[in-house]
C-alpha cells in the first residue's frame, strides 16, 4: 500500500501550506519515497480521527499511522534505513535536534507574516474557525498581528543570522548535501513563500541562494509546490 500523507490545504486544494506538512514532504523526497497526498482542511477533524489527532501531518504507511512531523521523520528513518539518511546517521542526529529547537525561535517571527495571508486562502467554513481560534490564542486581530510588514520582515531576516553563518562554511546546513536540518528551516520559509506574495529574503542574501537550492533539491519538489501567486 502506498504511503498516504494528509496535507493542510486552502480553498484551492492544490495550495498546501502547513510548515509541518512541508517538513514531511521534503523528508519523503529525501528518502526517495513516493506518497499519495490527501488534501485536508482545518474543520475536517473527522477525516483524521483514525490517527487520534486533530491536526496534520498524519502519515499512513500500510497498517502504521504516525502523526506529528518530528515523529514521522523518526519513523521514516527507522522504517527505511536503506534509503538516504535524514539525519546523517547517529553522528549527525544531535545537530539536527539543535536546528529543530532553533527553528522554534523563528516561528514567533514568521507566524505574524503568515496568519492573515493564510486566512485569506481558506474557504468560508475554515475562515471562521481559523480567525476565532488564532485571535483567541494571540489576544488580538489577525490584522493587528500582521502589523508593520517591513518591520516584521526585518525581524525575520535578522533572526536568520545563524543560517548565514553556517552557509558561509558549506552549501547546506547538512554539509555538502541537504538533510533534515535543511528541511526544518526551508519549510518555515517555504510556508511564507506559499501564502504571502512578498519577498521574504533579499536577492543578495546568502540565504536566498540556499533557499533556491532547496527549491531545486530532490528534482525540484519544492519549486513544484503551488503558491498563492501561481
N, C-alpha and C. Protein backbone atom coordinates (compact mmCIF):
# COMPACT_ATOMS: atom_id res chain seq x y z
N UNK A 1 0.84 -1.19 0.00
CA UNK A 1 0.00 0.00 0.00
C UNK A 1 0.88 1.25 0.00
N UNK A 2 0.51 2.22 -0.83
CA UNK A 2 1.30 3.44 -0.92
C UNK A 2 1.20 4.25 0.37
N UNK A 3 2.24 5.00 0.67
CA UNK A 3 2.23 5.91 1.81
C UNK A 3 1.22 7.02 1.52
N UNK A 4 0.39 7.33 2.50
CA UNK A 4 -0.57 8.42 2.39
C UNK A 4 -0.17 9.53 3.37
N UNK A 5 -0.29 10.77 2.91
CA UNK A 5 0.03 11.91 3.76
C UNK A 5 -1.12 12.92 3.71
N UNK A 6 -1.73 13.17 4.85
CA UNK A 6 -2.80 14.16 4.94
C UNK A 6 -2.15 15.54 5.06
N UNK A 7 -2.51 16.43 4.12
CA UNK A 7 -1.84 17.72 3.97
C UNK A 7 -2.85 18.86 4.05
N UNK A 8 -2.56 19.84 4.88
CA UNK A 8 -3.42 21.00 5.04
C UNK A 8 -3.50 21.79 3.74
N UNK A 9 -4.72 22.15 3.33
CA UNK A 9 -4.90 22.91 2.10
C UNK A 9 -5.84 24.08 2.33
N UNK A 10 -5.86 24.99 1.37
CA UNK A 10 -6.77 26.13 1.42
C UNK A 10 -8.02 25.85 0.62
N UNK A 11 -8.71 26.92 0.24
CA UNK A 11 -9.89 26.78 -0.60
C UNK A 11 -9.53 26.05 -1.88
N UNK A 12 -8.37 26.40 -2.44
CA UNK A 12 -7.80 25.67 -3.57
C UNK A 12 -7.10 24.44 -2.99
N UNK A 13 -7.57 23.24 -3.28
CA UNK A 13 -6.98 22.05 -2.66
C UNK A 13 -5.53 21.80 -3.07
N UNK A 14 -5.06 22.50 -4.11
CA UNK A 14 -3.68 22.32 -4.54
C UNK A 14 -2.70 23.20 -3.77
N UNK A 15 -3.21 24.16 -3.02
CA UNK A 15 -2.34 25.01 -2.20
C UNK A 15 -2.18 24.35 -0.84
N UNK A 16 -1.02 23.73 -0.62
CA UNK A 16 -0.72 23.01 0.63
C UNK A 16 0.34 23.82 1.38
N UNK A 17 0.01 24.28 2.58
CA UNK A 17 0.87 25.31 3.18
C UNK A 17 1.33 25.05 4.60
N UNK A 18 0.97 23.97 5.23
CA UNK A 18 1.43 23.75 6.60
C UNK A 18 2.95 23.56 6.64
N UNK A 19 3.68 24.34 7.45
CA UNK A 19 5.13 24.15 7.52
C UNK A 19 5.51 22.77 8.04
N UNK A 20 4.64 22.18 8.86
CA UNK A 20 4.93 20.87 9.41
C UNK A 20 4.70 19.77 8.37
N UNK A 21 3.68 19.94 7.55
CA UNK A 21 3.49 19.01 6.43
C UNK A 21 4.63 19.14 5.43
N UNK A 22 5.07 20.38 5.18
CA UNK A 22 6.17 20.59 4.24
C UNK A 22 7.44 19.87 4.70
N UNK A 23 7.66 19.82 6.00
CA UNK A 23 8.82 19.08 6.53
C UNK A 23 8.74 17.61 6.10
N UNK A 24 7.55 17.05 6.21
CA UNK A 24 7.39 15.64 5.86
C UNK A 24 7.52 15.43 4.36
N UNK A 25 6.97 16.33 3.58
CA UNK A 25 7.09 16.20 2.13
C UNK A 25 8.56 16.22 1.70
N UNK A 26 9.35 17.09 2.32
CA UNK A 26 10.77 17.13 1.99
C UNK A 26 11.48 15.87 2.48
N UNK A 27 11.07 15.38 3.65
CA UNK A 27 11.68 14.14 4.17
C UNK A 27 11.38 12.96 3.26
N UNK A 28 10.16 12.87 2.77
CA UNK A 28 9.80 11.78 1.86
C UNK A 28 10.59 11.88 0.56
N UNK A 29 10.76 13.09 0.06
CA UNK A 29 11.54 13.28 -1.16
C UNK A 29 13.00 12.89 -0.92
N UNK A 30 13.53 13.28 0.23
CA UNK A 30 14.91 12.93 0.58
C UNK A 30 15.09 11.41 0.65
N UNK A 31 14.09 10.75 1.21
CA UNK A 31 14.12 9.29 1.34
C UNK A 31 13.76 8.57 0.02
N UNK A 32 13.40 9.38 -0.99
CA UNK A 32 13.02 8.82 -2.30
C UNK A 32 11.82 7.88 -2.16
N UNK A 33 10.85 8.33 -1.34
CA UNK A 33 9.65 7.55 -1.10
C UNK A 33 8.46 8.26 -1.73
N UNK A 34 7.75 7.57 -2.58
CA UNK A 34 6.55 8.13 -3.18
C UNK A 34 5.41 8.09 -2.17
N UNK A 35 4.50 9.05 -2.31
CA UNK A 35 3.35 9.06 -1.40
C UNK A 35 2.13 9.61 -2.12
N UNK A 36 0.99 9.31 -1.57
CA UNK A 36 -0.27 9.84 -2.07
C UNK A 36 -0.69 11.00 -1.17
N UNK A 37 -0.72 12.23 -1.70
CA UNK A 37 -1.15 13.37 -0.88
C UNK A 37 -2.66 13.43 -0.77
N UNK A 38 -3.17 13.67 0.42
CA UNK A 38 -4.61 13.77 0.65
C UNK A 38 -4.91 15.14 1.22
N UNK A 39 -5.63 16.00 0.48
CA UNK A 39 -5.93 17.33 0.99
C UNK A 39 -6.83 17.28 2.22
N UNK A 40 -6.57 18.15 3.17
CA UNK A 40 -7.30 18.19 4.44
C UNK A 40 -7.47 19.65 4.86
N UNK A 41 -8.60 19.97 5.47
CA UNK A 41 -8.85 21.34 5.92
C UNK A 41 -9.05 21.38 7.43
N UNK A 42 -8.90 22.55 8.00
CA UNK A 42 -8.90 22.74 9.45
C UNK A 42 -10.12 22.13 10.13
N UNK A 43 -11.28 22.29 9.53
CA UNK A 43 -12.51 21.84 10.19
C UNK A 43 -12.87 20.39 9.88
N UNK A 44 -12.03 19.70 9.12
CA UNK A 44 -12.32 18.32 8.74
C UNK A 44 -11.68 17.35 9.74
N UNK A 45 -11.97 17.53 11.01
CA UNK A 45 -11.32 16.74 12.06
C UNK A 45 -11.63 15.24 11.94
N UNK A 46 -12.83 14.92 11.51
CA UNK A 46 -13.25 13.52 11.45
C UNK A 46 -12.38 12.71 10.50
N UNK A 47 -11.85 13.35 9.46
CA UNK A 47 -11.08 12.63 8.45
C UNK A 47 -9.79 12.05 9.00
N UNK A 48 -9.28 12.61 10.10
CA UNK A 48 -8.04 12.10 10.67
C UNK A 48 -8.26 11.55 12.09
N UNK A 49 -9.50 11.30 12.43
CA UNK A 49 -9.79 10.77 13.77
C UNK A 49 -9.15 9.40 13.98
N UNK A 50 -8.94 8.66 12.89
CA UNK A 50 -8.31 7.34 13.00
C UNK A 50 -6.90 7.43 13.57
N UNK A 51 -6.29 8.61 13.45
CA UNK A 51 -4.92 8.80 13.94
C UNK A 51 -4.89 9.36 15.35
N UNK A 52 -6.07 9.54 15.95
CA UNK A 52 -6.17 10.14 17.27
C UNK A 52 -5.46 11.50 17.28
N UNK A 53 -5.70 12.27 16.22
CA UNK A 53 -5.07 13.57 16.06
C UNK A 53 -6.09 14.55 15.50
N UNK A 54 -5.93 15.82 15.87
CA UNK A 54 -6.80 16.87 15.34
C UNK A 54 -6.07 17.77 14.36
N UNK A 55 -4.80 17.48 14.14
CA UNK A 55 -4.00 18.30 13.23
C UNK A 55 -3.18 17.41 12.31
N UNK A 56 -2.73 17.97 11.20
CA UNK A 56 -1.84 17.29 10.29
C UNK A 56 -0.43 17.86 10.48
N UNK A 57 0.59 17.11 10.08
CA UNK A 57 0.55 15.94 9.20
C UNK A 57 0.16 14.66 9.91
N UNK A 58 -0.49 13.82 9.14
CA UNK A 58 -0.75 12.44 9.52
C UNK A 58 -0.28 11.57 8.37
N UNK A 59 0.55 10.60 8.68
CA UNK A 59 1.08 9.69 7.66
C UNK A 59 0.56 8.29 7.94
N UNK A 60 0.10 7.64 6.87
CA UNK A 60 -0.35 6.26 6.98
C UNK A 60 0.49 5.43 6.02
N UNK A 61 1.20 4.47 6.57
CA UNK A 61 2.07 3.59 5.80
C UNK A 61 1.64 2.16 6.07
N UNK A 62 0.75 1.65 5.21
CA UNK A 62 0.18 0.33 5.48
C UNK A 62 -0.66 0.37 6.74
N UNK A 63 -0.31 -0.47 7.71
CA UNK A 63 -1.03 -0.51 8.98
C UNK A 63 -0.48 0.46 10.01
N UNK A 64 0.58 1.18 9.66
CA UNK A 64 1.21 2.11 10.59
C UNK A 64 0.70 3.52 10.37
N UNK A 65 0.29 4.15 11.44
CA UNK A 65 -0.19 5.53 11.39
C UNK A 65 0.67 6.37 12.34
N UNK A 66 1.19 7.48 11.83
CA UNK A 66 2.05 8.35 12.64
C UNK A 66 1.60 9.79 12.44
N UNK A 67 1.48 10.53 13.52
CA UNK A 67 1.20 11.96 13.45
C UNK A 67 2.36 12.73 14.06
N UNK A 68 2.40 14.04 13.81
CA UNK A 68 3.46 14.93 14.26
C UNK A 68 4.67 14.79 13.32
N UNK A 69 5.13 15.92 12.79
CA UNK A 69 6.17 15.90 11.76
C UNK A 69 7.48 15.29 12.26
N UNK A 70 7.85 15.56 13.51
CA UNK A 70 9.10 15.01 14.04
C UNK A 70 8.99 13.50 14.23
N UNK A 71 7.86 13.05 14.76
CA UNK A 71 7.65 11.61 14.93
C UNK A 71 7.66 10.90 13.57
N UNK A 72 7.11 11.56 12.56
CA UNK A 72 7.10 10.96 11.22
C UNK A 72 8.51 10.85 10.69
N UNK A 73 9.32 11.88 10.88
CA UNK A 73 10.71 11.82 10.42
C UNK A 73 11.46 10.68 11.10
N UNK A 74 11.26 10.54 12.40
CA UNK A 74 11.91 9.44 13.13
C UNK A 74 11.43 8.09 12.61
N UNK A 75 10.15 8.00 12.33
CA UNK A 75 9.60 6.75 11.80
C UNK A 75 10.21 6.42 10.45
N UNK A 76 10.27 7.39 9.55
CA UNK A 76 10.81 7.14 8.21
C UNK A 76 12.27 6.70 8.28
N UNK A 77 13.01 7.31 9.18
CA UNK A 77 14.43 6.94 9.31
C UNK A 77 14.57 5.50 9.80
N UNK A 78 13.71 5.10 10.72
CA UNK A 78 13.78 3.74 11.26
C UNK A 78 13.20 2.71 10.29
N UNK A 79 12.10 3.05 9.64
CA UNK A 79 11.41 2.10 8.77
C UNK A 79 12.11 1.90 7.44
N UNK A 80 12.88 2.88 7.00
CA UNK A 80 13.53 2.80 5.69
C UNK A 80 15.02 3.10 5.81
N UNK A 81 15.75 2.26 6.56
CA UNK A 81 17.18 2.51 6.78
C UNK A 81 18.02 2.38 5.52
N UNK A 82 17.47 1.71 4.49
CA UNK A 82 18.22 1.53 3.25
C UNK A 82 18.15 2.76 2.36
N UNK A 83 17.29 3.70 2.69
CA UNK A 83 17.15 4.95 1.93
C UNK A 83 18.07 6.02 2.53
N UNK A 84 18.36 7.09 1.78
CA UNK A 84 19.26 8.15 2.31
C UNK A 84 18.84 8.63 3.69
N UNK A 85 19.80 8.75 4.59
CA UNK A 85 19.52 9.13 5.97
C UNK A 85 19.07 10.58 6.07
N UNK A 86 18.02 10.80 6.84
CA UNK A 86 17.56 12.16 7.08
C UNK A 86 18.49 12.94 8.00
N UNK A 87 19.21 12.23 8.85
CA UNK A 87 19.98 12.88 9.91
C UNK A 87 21.49 12.75 9.74
N UNK A 88 21.93 12.07 8.71
CA UNK A 88 23.36 11.85 8.58
C UNK A 88 23.86 10.82 9.56
N UNK A 89 22.99 9.86 9.90
CA UNK A 89 23.37 8.80 10.84
C UNK A 89 23.34 9.28 12.28
N UNK A 90 23.79 8.42 13.18
CA UNK A 90 23.77 8.73 14.61
C UNK A 90 24.62 9.96 14.93
N UNK A 91 25.72 10.15 14.18
CA UNK A 91 26.61 11.26 14.48
C UNK A 91 25.96 12.60 14.13
N UNK A 92 25.12 12.60 13.09
CA UNK A 92 24.51 13.84 12.68
C UNK A 92 23.22 14.18 13.41
N UNK A 93 22.67 13.21 14.13
CA UNK A 93 21.36 13.41 14.76
C UNK A 93 21.34 14.57 15.75
N UNK A 94 22.32 14.70 16.65
CA UNK A 94 22.26 15.82 17.62
C UNK A 94 22.23 17.19 16.94
N UNK A 95 22.94 17.33 15.81
CA UNK A 95 22.94 18.60 15.11
C UNK A 95 21.57 18.94 14.55
N UNK A 96 20.86 17.94 14.06
CA UNK A 96 19.51 18.17 13.55
C UNK A 96 18.57 18.55 14.69
N UNK A 97 18.73 17.92 15.84
CA UNK A 97 17.91 18.26 17.00
C UNK A 97 18.17 19.71 17.40
N UNK A 98 19.43 20.13 17.37
CA UNK A 98 19.76 21.52 17.70
C UNK A 98 19.05 22.48 16.75
N UNK A 99 19.09 22.19 15.45
CA UNK A 99 18.43 23.05 14.47
C UNK A 99 16.92 23.04 14.68
N UNK A 100 16.37 21.88 14.99
CA UNK A 100 14.93 21.78 15.26
C UNK A 100 14.53 22.75 16.38
N UNK A 101 15.31 22.79 17.44
CA UNK A 101 15.00 23.67 18.55
C UNK A 101 15.19 25.14 18.17
N UNK A 102 16.21 25.42 17.36
CA UNK A 102 16.43 26.79 16.91
C UNK A 102 15.30 27.27 16.01
N UNK A 103 14.80 26.40 15.16
CA UNK A 103 13.70 26.76 14.26
C UNK A 103 12.48 27.20 15.06
N UNK A 104 12.30 26.63 16.24
CA UNK A 104 11.20 27.05 17.09
C UNK A 104 11.24 28.54 17.38
N UNK A 105 12.44 29.12 17.43
CA UNK A 105 12.57 30.56 17.70
C UNK A 105 12.19 31.40 16.49
N UNK A 106 12.12 30.78 15.31
CA UNK A 106 11.73 31.51 14.11
C UNK A 106 10.22 31.68 13.99
N UNK A 107 9.46 30.80 14.62
CA UNK A 107 8.01 30.84 14.45
C UNK A 107 7.38 32.13 14.97
N UNK A 108 7.83 32.69 16.11
CA UNK A 108 7.26 33.98 16.53
C UNK A 108 7.57 35.11 15.55
N UNK A 109 8.62 34.94 14.73
CA UNK A 109 8.98 35.94 13.73
C UNK A 109 8.24 35.72 12.42
N UNK A 110 8.07 34.46 12.05
CA UNK A 110 7.41 34.13 10.78
C UNK A 110 5.89 34.12 10.89
N UNK A 111 5.38 33.67 12.04
CA UNK A 111 3.94 33.50 12.21
C UNK A 111 3.11 34.74 11.90
N UNK A 112 3.49 35.93 12.42
CA UNK A 112 2.69 37.11 12.14
C UNK A 112 2.60 37.44 10.64
N UNK A 113 3.61 37.06 9.88
CA UNK A 113 3.58 37.30 8.43
C UNK A 113 2.73 36.28 7.69
N UNK A 114 2.36 35.20 8.37
CA UNK A 114 1.61 34.11 7.72
C UNK A 114 0.14 34.09 8.07
N UNK A 115 -0.24 34.49 9.29
CA UNK A 115 -1.60 34.25 9.77
C UNK A 115 -2.67 34.91 8.89
N UNK A 116 -2.55 36.20 8.64
CA UNK A 116 -3.55 36.89 7.83
C UNK A 116 -3.57 36.37 6.39
N UNK A 117 -2.41 36.18 5.74
CA UNK A 117 -2.43 35.59 4.39
C UNK A 117 -3.04 34.19 4.36
N UNK A 118 -2.79 33.38 5.39
CA UNK A 118 -3.40 32.05 5.44
C UNK A 118 -4.92 32.19 5.49
N UNK A 119 -5.41 33.06 6.34
CA UNK A 119 -6.86 33.26 6.46
C UNK A 119 -7.48 33.60 5.11
N UNK A 120 -6.81 34.40 4.32
CA UNK A 120 -7.34 34.80 3.01
C UNK A 120 -7.41 33.63 2.03
N UNK A 121 -6.61 32.59 2.27
CA UNK A 121 -6.58 31.44 1.36
C UNK A 121 -7.64 30.39 1.65
N UNK A 122 -8.29 30.51 2.80
CA UNK A 122 -9.19 29.45 3.26
C UNK A 122 -10.58 29.58 2.68
N UNK A 123 -11.34 28.47 2.72
CA UNK A 123 -12.75 28.54 2.35
C UNK A 123 -13.52 29.15 3.54
N UNK A 124 -14.79 29.49 3.31
CA UNK A 124 -15.53 30.25 4.31
C UNK A 124 -15.66 29.52 5.64
N UNK A 125 -15.88 28.23 5.60
CA UNK A 125 -16.03 27.46 6.84
C UNK A 125 -14.75 27.49 7.66
N UNK A 126 -13.62 27.33 7.00
CA UNK A 126 -12.35 27.35 7.70
C UNK A 126 -11.97 28.75 8.15
N UNK A 127 -12.38 29.76 7.39
CA UNK A 127 -12.04 31.14 7.76
C UNK A 127 -12.57 31.49 9.15
N UNK A 128 -13.81 31.16 9.40
CA UNK A 128 -14.41 31.47 10.69
C UNK A 128 -13.68 30.75 11.82
N UNK A 129 -13.39 29.47 11.61
CA UNK A 129 -12.68 28.68 12.61
C UNK A 129 -11.28 29.23 12.84
N UNK A 130 -10.56 29.51 11.77
CA UNK A 130 -9.17 29.94 11.88
C UNK A 130 -9.07 31.28 12.59
N UNK A 131 -9.90 32.23 12.18
CA UNK A 131 -9.82 33.55 12.80
C UNK A 131 -10.14 33.49 14.29
N UNK A 132 -11.21 32.82 14.65
CA UNK A 132 -11.61 32.79 16.05
C UNK A 132 -10.58 32.10 16.93
N UNK A 133 -10.02 30.98 16.47
CA UNK A 133 -9.06 30.24 17.29
C UNK A 133 -7.73 30.98 17.38
N UNK A 134 -7.28 31.57 16.30
CA UNK A 134 -5.98 32.26 16.31
C UNK A 134 -6.06 33.58 17.07
N UNK A 135 -7.16 34.31 16.89
CA UNK A 135 -7.27 35.57 17.60
C UNK A 135 -7.42 35.36 19.11
N UNK A 136 -8.09 34.30 19.49
CA UNK A 136 -8.18 33.96 20.91
C UNK A 136 -6.80 33.61 21.45
N UNK A 137 -6.01 32.92 20.63
CA UNK A 137 -4.68 32.49 21.07
C UNK A 137 -3.73 33.66 21.25
N UNK A 138 -3.76 34.62 20.33
CA UNK A 138 -2.79 35.73 20.39
C UNK A 138 -3.35 36.98 21.08
N UNK A 139 -4.66 37.01 21.31
CA UNK A 139 -5.25 38.13 22.02
C UNK A 139 -5.40 39.41 21.22
N UNK A 140 -5.41 39.29 19.89
CA UNK A 140 -5.63 40.45 19.03
C UNK A 140 -6.06 39.99 17.64
N UNK A 141 -6.50 40.92 16.81
CA UNK A 141 -6.97 40.54 15.48
C UNK A 141 -5.81 40.12 14.60
N UNK A 142 -6.11 39.38 13.56
CA UNK A 142 -5.08 38.97 12.61
C UNK A 142 -4.43 40.17 11.95
N UNK A 143 -5.24 41.20 11.70
CA UNK A 143 -4.70 42.43 11.10
C UNK A 143 -3.72 43.12 12.03
N UNK A 144 -4.06 43.17 13.32
CA UNK A 144 -3.15 43.77 14.29
C UNK A 144 -1.89 42.93 14.45
N UNK A 145 -2.04 41.62 14.39
CA UNK A 145 -0.88 40.74 14.49
C UNK A 145 0.07 40.95 13.32
N UNK A 146 -0.48 41.12 12.13
CA UNK A 146 0.37 41.33 10.94
C UNK A 146 1.17 42.62 11.09
N UNK A 147 0.51 43.67 11.51
CA UNK A 147 1.20 44.92 11.84
C UNK A 147 1.96 45.52 10.68
N UNK A 148 3.15 46.03 10.99
CA UNK A 148 4.01 46.69 10.02
C UNK A 148 4.81 45.63 9.26
N UNK A 149 4.48 45.42 8.00
CA UNK A 149 5.11 44.36 7.22
C UNK A 149 6.62 44.52 7.13
N UNK A 150 7.08 45.73 6.89
CA UNK A 150 8.52 45.97 6.74
C UNK A 150 9.27 45.62 8.02
N UNK A 151 8.71 45.99 9.16
CA UNK A 151 9.35 45.68 10.43
C UNK A 151 9.33 44.17 10.69
N UNK A 152 8.23 43.53 10.33
CA UNK A 152 8.14 42.08 10.52
C UNK A 152 9.21 41.37 9.68
N UNK A 153 9.34 41.79 8.43
CA UNK A 153 10.33 41.18 7.54
C UNK A 153 11.75 41.41 8.06
N UNK A 154 12.00 42.61 8.54
CA UNK A 154 13.34 42.92 9.06
C UNK A 154 13.68 42.04 10.25
N UNK A 155 12.71 41.83 11.13
CA UNK A 155 12.95 40.98 12.31
C UNK A 155 13.24 39.54 11.90
N UNK A 156 12.48 39.03 10.93
CA UNK A 156 12.70 37.67 10.47
C UNK A 156 14.06 37.53 9.81
N UNK A 157 14.41 38.47 8.97
CA UNK A 157 15.71 38.40 8.29
C UNK A 157 16.86 38.42 9.29
N UNK A 158 16.74 39.25 10.32
CA UNK A 158 17.78 39.29 11.35
C UNK A 158 17.83 37.96 12.11
N UNK A 159 16.67 37.35 12.28
CA UNK A 159 16.62 36.08 13.00
C UNK A 159 17.29 34.94 12.27
N UNK A 160 17.56 35.13 10.98
CA UNK A 160 18.21 34.09 10.17
C UNK A 160 19.73 34.20 10.17
N UNK A 161 20.27 35.04 11.02
CA UNK A 161 21.72 35.23 11.07
C UNK A 161 22.49 33.93 11.29
N UNK A 162 22.04 33.02 12.19
CA UNK A 162 22.78 31.76 12.35
C UNK A 162 22.83 30.93 11.07
N UNK A 163 21.79 31.02 10.26
CA UNK A 163 21.78 30.28 8.99
C UNK A 163 22.87 30.83 8.07
N UNK A 164 22.99 32.15 7.98
CA UNK A 164 24.00 32.75 7.12
C UNK A 164 25.42 32.38 7.58
N UNK A 165 25.61 32.34 8.89
CA UNK A 165 26.92 31.95 9.43
C UNK A 165 27.28 30.54 9.00
N UNK A 166 26.30 29.64 9.05
CA UNK A 166 26.52 28.26 8.63
C UNK A 166 26.82 28.19 7.14
N UNK A 167 26.08 28.93 6.35
CA UNK A 167 26.22 28.86 4.89
C UNK A 167 27.52 29.48 4.40
N UNK A 168 28.18 30.25 5.24
CA UNK A 168 29.49 30.78 4.87
C UNK A 168 30.54 29.68 4.85
N UNK A 169 30.24 28.56 5.48
CA UNK A 169 31.20 27.46 5.59
C UNK A 169 30.86 26.29 4.67
N UNK A 170 29.59 26.15 4.28
CA UNK A 170 29.17 24.99 3.50
C UNK A 170 27.85 25.32 2.79
N UNK A 171 27.53 24.60 1.71
CA UNK A 171 26.36 24.95 0.92
C UNK A 171 25.01 24.65 1.58
N UNK A 172 24.98 23.68 2.48
CA UNK A 172 23.73 23.31 3.16
C UNK A 172 24.01 23.16 4.65
N UNK A 173 22.96 23.22 5.44
CA UNK A 173 23.13 23.00 6.87
C UNK A 173 23.66 21.60 7.12
N UNK A 174 23.21 20.65 6.30
CA UNK A 174 23.66 19.27 6.43
C UNK A 174 25.05 19.02 5.90
N UNK A 175 25.70 20.02 5.29
CA UNK A 175 27.03 19.85 4.73
C UNK A 175 27.03 20.09 3.23
N UNK A 176 27.57 19.16 2.49
CA UNK A 176 27.61 19.28 1.03
C UNK A 176 26.26 18.96 0.40
N UNK A 177 25.43 18.27 1.13
CA UNK A 177 24.08 17.93 0.67
C UNK A 177 23.09 18.25 1.79
N UNK A 178 21.83 18.51 1.45
CA UNK A 178 20.85 18.81 2.50
C UNK A 178 20.47 17.59 3.31
N UNK A 179 20.10 17.83 4.56
CA UNK A 179 19.50 16.78 5.37
C UNK A 179 18.27 17.36 6.08
N UNK A 180 17.79 16.70 7.10
CA UNK A 180 16.53 17.14 7.70
C UNK A 180 16.66 18.49 8.39
N UNK A 181 17.86 18.87 8.79
CA UNK A 181 18.04 20.21 9.34
C UNK A 181 17.67 21.26 8.30
N UNK A 182 18.08 21.04 7.07
CA UNK A 182 17.70 21.95 5.97
C UNK A 182 16.19 21.95 5.76
N UNK A 183 15.58 20.78 5.83
CA UNK A 183 14.13 20.68 5.64
C UNK A 183 13.40 21.53 6.68
N UNK A 184 13.87 21.50 7.92
CA UNK A 184 13.20 22.21 9.01
C UNK A 184 13.19 23.71 8.78
N UNK A 185 14.34 24.25 8.37
CA UNK A 185 14.42 25.69 8.13
C UNK A 185 13.71 26.06 6.83
N UNK A 186 13.95 25.28 5.79
CA UNK A 186 13.33 25.56 4.49
C UNK A 186 11.81 25.58 4.59
N UNK A 187 11.24 24.64 5.31
CA UNK A 187 9.78 24.53 5.39
C UNK A 187 9.16 25.75 6.06
N UNK A 188 9.87 26.35 7.01
CA UNK A 188 9.37 27.56 7.64
C UNK A 188 9.31 28.71 6.65
N UNK A 189 10.37 28.87 5.85
CA UNK A 189 10.39 29.93 4.85
C UNK A 189 9.48 29.62 3.67
N UNK A 190 9.39 28.36 3.29
CA UNK A 190 8.50 27.98 2.20
C UNK A 190 7.04 28.20 2.57
N UNK A 191 6.73 28.01 3.82
CA UNK A 191 5.39 28.34 4.33
C UNK A 191 5.01 29.77 3.95
N UNK A 192 5.92 30.70 4.25
CA UNK A 192 5.67 32.09 3.90
C UNK A 192 5.67 32.30 2.40
N UNK A 193 6.58 31.65 1.71
CA UNK A 193 6.66 31.77 0.26
C UNK A 193 5.35 31.34 -0.42
N UNK A 194 4.69 30.34 0.15
CA UNK A 194 3.44 29.83 -0.43
C UNK A 194 2.27 30.76 -0.16
N UNK A 195 2.18 31.30 1.05
CA UNK A 195 0.97 32.04 1.44
C UNK A 195 1.08 33.55 1.28
N UNK A 196 2.30 34.08 1.26
CA UNK A 196 2.49 35.53 1.27
C UNK A 196 3.32 35.95 0.06
N UNK A 197 2.78 36.81 -0.82
CA UNK A 197 3.49 37.16 -2.06
C UNK A 197 4.67 38.09 -1.89
N UNK A 198 4.95 38.60 -0.68
CA UNK A 198 6.09 39.49 -0.51
C UNK A 198 7.39 38.69 -0.59
N UNK A 199 8.48 39.37 -0.91
CA UNK A 199 9.79 38.72 -0.97
C UNK A 199 10.32 38.56 0.45
N UNK A 200 10.41 37.34 0.89
CA UNK A 200 10.83 37.08 2.27
C UNK A 200 12.31 37.41 2.46
N UNK A 201 13.13 37.06 1.47
CA UNK A 201 14.56 37.30 1.54
C UNK A 201 14.97 38.28 0.44
N UNK A 202 15.98 39.06 0.72
CA UNK A 202 16.52 39.98 -0.30
C UNK A 202 17.38 39.19 -1.27
N UNK A 203 17.45 39.68 -2.52
CA UNK A 203 18.12 38.92 -3.58
C UNK A 203 19.58 38.65 -3.29
N UNK A 204 20.26 39.57 -2.62
CA UNK A 204 21.69 39.37 -2.35
C UNK A 204 21.96 38.66 -1.02
N UNK A 205 20.92 38.21 -0.37
CA UNK A 205 21.06 37.48 0.89
C UNK A 205 21.62 36.09 0.60
N UNK A 206 22.71 35.68 1.25
CA UNK A 206 23.23 34.32 1.05
C UNK A 206 22.17 33.25 1.32
N UNK A 207 21.24 33.55 2.20
CA UNK A 207 20.19 32.59 2.48
C UNK A 207 19.27 32.39 1.27
N UNK A 208 19.19 33.38 0.39
CA UNK A 208 18.35 33.24 -0.79
C UNK A 208 18.92 32.19 -1.74
N UNK A 209 20.24 32.18 -1.89
CA UNK A 209 20.87 31.16 -2.72
C UNK A 209 20.62 29.76 -2.19
N UNK A 210 20.71 29.63 -0.87
CA UNK A 210 20.41 28.34 -0.24
C UNK A 210 18.95 27.97 -0.44
N UNK A 211 18.05 28.94 -0.27
CA UNK A 211 16.63 28.67 -0.43
C UNK A 211 16.33 28.22 -1.86
N UNK A 212 16.94 28.87 -2.84
CA UNK A 212 16.75 28.46 -4.24
C UNK A 212 17.25 27.03 -4.46
N UNK A 213 18.39 26.71 -3.83
CA UNK A 213 18.93 25.35 -3.96
C UNK A 213 17.98 24.33 -3.33
N UNK A 214 17.34 24.71 -2.24
CA UNK A 214 16.38 23.80 -1.60
C UNK A 214 15.12 23.64 -2.46
N UNK A 215 14.70 24.70 -3.13
CA UNK A 215 13.56 24.58 -4.04
C UNK A 215 13.86 23.58 -5.15
N UNK A 216 15.12 23.54 -5.58
CA UNK A 216 15.52 22.66 -6.68
C UNK A 216 15.90 21.26 -6.23
N UNK A 217 16.07 21.07 -4.92
CA UNK A 217 16.53 19.77 -4.41
C UNK A 217 15.51 18.67 -4.71
N UNK A 218 16.00 17.46 -4.81
CA UNK A 218 15.16 16.27 -5.00
C UNK A 218 14.26 16.39 -6.23
N UNK A 219 14.87 16.89 -7.31
CA UNK A 219 14.11 17.01 -8.55
C UNK A 219 13.15 18.17 -8.59
N UNK A 220 13.34 19.14 -7.68
CA UNK A 220 12.50 20.34 -7.70
C UNK A 220 11.16 20.19 -7.02
N UNK A 221 11.08 19.31 -6.01
CA UNK A 221 9.81 19.12 -5.32
C UNK A 221 9.32 20.41 -4.68
N UNK A 222 10.24 21.21 -4.15
CA UNK A 222 9.83 22.46 -3.54
C UNK A 222 9.33 23.47 -4.55
N UNK A 223 9.99 23.54 -5.68
CA UNK A 223 9.60 24.51 -6.70
C UNK A 223 8.26 24.14 -7.31
N UNK A 224 7.90 22.88 -7.27
CA UNK A 224 6.62 22.45 -7.85
C UNK A 224 5.43 22.73 -6.94
N UNK A 225 5.70 23.12 -5.68
CA UNK A 225 4.60 23.40 -4.75
C UNK A 225 3.86 24.65 -5.20
N UNK A 226 2.54 24.57 -5.23
CA UNK A 226 1.75 25.70 -5.68
C UNK A 226 1.72 26.79 -4.62
N UNK A 227 1.91 28.03 -5.05
CA UNK A 227 1.85 29.19 -4.15
C UNK A 227 0.61 30.01 -4.46
N UNK A 228 0.31 30.98 -3.57
CA UNK A 228 -0.86 31.81 -3.81
C UNK A 228 -0.68 32.69 -5.04
N UNK A 229 0.56 32.80 -5.53
CA UNK A 229 0.81 33.64 -6.69
C UNK A 229 0.82 32.90 -8.02
N UNK A 230 0.58 31.57 -7.99
CA UNK A 230 0.57 30.86 -9.29
C UNK A 230 -0.55 29.83 -9.32
